[in-house]
Protein backbone atom coordinates (compact mmCIF):
# COMPACT_ATOMS: atom_id res chain seq x y z
CA MET A 1 4.20 -8.97 -35.14
CA LYS A 2 4.37 -12.69 -34.45
CA SER A 3 1.73 -14.99 -35.93
CA ILE A 4 0.57 -17.88 -33.77
CA THR A 5 -0.60 -21.11 -35.38
CA SER A 6 -0.48 -23.76 -32.63
CA SER A 7 -2.37 -24.05 -29.37
CA ALA A 8 0.81 -24.91 -27.49
CA GLU A 9 2.55 -21.79 -28.75
CA PHE A 10 -0.52 -19.68 -27.93
CA GLU A 11 -0.73 -20.99 -24.36
CA ALA A 12 3.00 -20.47 -23.81
CA LEU A 13 2.90 -16.89 -25.07
CA ILE A 14 -0.14 -15.73 -23.13
CA ALA A 15 1.41 -17.13 -19.95
CA LYS A 16 4.26 -14.60 -20.29
CA GLY A 17 3.68 -11.02 -19.21
CA THR A 18 1.03 -8.96 -20.96
CA VAL A 19 -0.08 -9.99 -24.45
CA LEU A 20 -2.57 -8.47 -26.89
CA VAL A 21 -3.87 -11.06 -29.33
CA ASP A 22 -5.35 -9.91 -32.65
CA PHE A 23 -7.78 -12.54 -33.92
CA PHE A 24 -8.18 -11.78 -37.63
CA ALA A 25 -8.97 -13.27 -41.03
CA THR A 26 -7.17 -12.53 -44.29
CA TRP A 27 -10.53 -11.91 -46.03
CA CYS A 28 -11.68 -9.43 -43.35
CA GLY A 29 -11.68 -5.85 -44.69
CA PRO A 30 -11.70 -4.13 -41.26
CA CYS A 31 -8.82 -6.40 -40.18
CA LYS A 32 -6.73 -5.30 -43.14
CA ALA A 33 -7.62 -1.64 -42.65
CA PHE A 34 -6.68 -1.79 -38.94
CA GLN A 35 -3.24 -3.34 -39.53
CA SER A 36 -1.29 -0.04 -39.69
CA THR A 37 -3.11 1.22 -36.58
CA LEU A 38 -2.21 -1.98 -34.74
CA GLU A 39 1.44 -1.61 -35.74
CA ALA A 40 1.43 1.97 -34.43
CA LEU A 41 -0.12 0.80 -31.14
CA ALA A 42 2.51 -1.93 -30.84
CA ALA A 43 5.21 0.73 -31.21
CA ALA A 44 3.49 2.95 -28.62
CA PHE A 45 3.19 0.10 -26.09
CA PRO A 46 6.52 -1.76 -26.36
CA HIS A 47 6.08 -3.41 -22.94
CA ILE A 48 3.04 -5.32 -24.28
CA MET A 49 3.58 -8.23 -26.66
CA PHE A 50 1.37 -8.08 -29.75
CA VAL A 51 0.59 -11.32 -31.60
CA LYS A 52 -1.78 -12.33 -34.38
CA VAL A 53 -3.97 -15.41 -34.80
CA ASP A 54 -5.49 -16.08 -38.22
CA VAL A 55 -8.80 -17.70 -37.30
CA ASP A 56 -8.86 -19.73 -40.53
CA VAL A 57 -5.37 -21.16 -39.96
CA ALA A 58 -5.59 -21.63 -36.19
CA GLU A 59 -9.20 -22.76 -35.97
CA GLU A 60 -8.67 -24.65 -32.70
CA ILE A 61 -7.41 -21.52 -30.93
CA ALA A 62 -10.26 -19.43 -32.33
CA GLU A 63 -12.82 -21.98 -31.20
CA ARG A 64 -11.35 -22.31 -27.71
CA GLN A 65 -11.31 -18.51 -27.39
CA ARG A 66 -14.91 -18.32 -28.71
CA ILE A 67 -14.04 -15.90 -31.50
CA SER A 68 -17.07 -15.15 -33.65
CA SER A 69 -16.28 -11.69 -35.06
CA MET A 70 -13.16 -10.29 -36.62
CA PRO A 71 -11.19 -8.49 -35.64
CA THR A 72 -11.35 -9.40 -31.96
CA PHE A 73 -8.59 -8.24 -29.63
CA LYS A 74 -8.02 -10.09 -26.38
CA LEU A 75 -5.64 -8.92 -23.69
CA PHE A 76 -3.99 -11.50 -21.45
CA ALA A 77 -1.89 -10.89 -18.36
CA GLY A 78 -0.18 -13.75 -16.58
CA GLY A 79 -2.17 -16.26 -18.62
CA ARG A 80 -5.56 -14.77 -17.74
CA GLU A 81 -7.88 -12.92 -20.11
CA VAL A 82 -8.28 -9.42 -18.71
CA GLY A 83 -10.05 -7.61 -21.53
CA VAL A 84 -11.59 -7.92 -24.97
CA VAL A 85 -12.52 -5.55 -27.80
CA THR A 86 -14.59 -6.72 -30.74
CA GLY A 87 -14.23 -4.66 -33.88
CA ALA A 88 -11.61 -2.31 -35.31
CA ASP A 89 -12.09 0.45 -32.74
CA GLU A 90 -8.80 2.23 -32.13
CA ASP A 91 -10.06 4.13 -29.07
CA GLU A 92 -11.29 0.97 -27.35
CA VAL A 93 -8.10 -0.97 -28.11
CA ARG A 94 -5.97 1.96 -26.89
CA GLU A 95 -8.03 2.16 -23.68
CA LEU A 96 -7.53 -1.57 -23.11
CA LEU A 97 -3.78 -1.12 -23.56
CA LEU A 98 -3.72 1.88 -21.21
CA GLN A 99 -5.52 -0.16 -18.56
CA ALA A 100 -2.95 -2.92 -19.00
CA SER A 101 -0.16 -0.39 -18.60
CA ALA A 102 -1.74 0.87 -15.37
CA PHE A 103 -1.39 -2.53 -13.71
CA ASP A 104 2.17 -2.99 -14.94
CA GLY A 105 1.67 -6.46 -16.37
CA ALA A 106 0.20 -7.91 -13.18
CA PRO A 107 -3.20 -9.45 -13.89
CA PRO A 108 -6.16 -7.74 -12.24
CA ASN A 109 -8.09 -9.62 -9.61
CA ALA A 110 -11.63 -10.88 -10.18
CA ASP A 111 -13.26 -7.45 -9.88
CA GLY A 112 -10.80 -5.95 -12.37
CA ALA A 113 -8.75 -4.03 -9.82
CA GLN A 114 -4.99 -4.26 -9.74
CA PHE A 115 -3.54 -6.87 -7.46
CA ASP A 116 -2.44 -5.21 -4.25
CA SER A 117 0.99 -6.01 -2.91
CA GLY A 118 -0.48 -5.80 0.57
CA ASP A 119 1.88 -3.00 1.59
CA ASP A 120 0.27 0.40 1.29
CA GLY A 121 2.77 1.96 3.67
CA ALA A 122 0.22 2.21 6.46
CA ASP A 123 0.83 0.43 9.71
CA ASP A 124 -2.03 -2.04 10.01
CA ASP A 125 -0.99 -3.18 13.48
CA ASP A 126 -3.77 -2.21 15.91
CA ASP A 127 -1.47 -2.68 18.93
CA ASP A 128 -0.11 0.86 18.45
CA ALA A 129 -3.54 2.49 18.57
CA ASN A 130 -4.22 4.44 21.75
């Protein structure tokens, strides 16, 4: 799992596809305990990039992301934050990842629904209606 230390690298990575960011601290017991679970989740969701940000090393990133508790997991799609889980809760993190998988890497719109391609197969042309 890649560790991010610079803001430029962070911004570049979250702009690509779907990314789960683990904001952690080396002194955080729950962070350490959750590490093997996070590695298993990364293996189960290979289409999602998993990265780590040590809040004590990358303080600027942590501040800009308003991280106040560790671990905090933020999911980004297409550069936009689409979900957050605070705490080492495997079920909540898994649910976040499943939701991300449901929208295939496309960021949800403002109400959280998947972006619609606009083509649902129905003919929306009212000229045919009789």
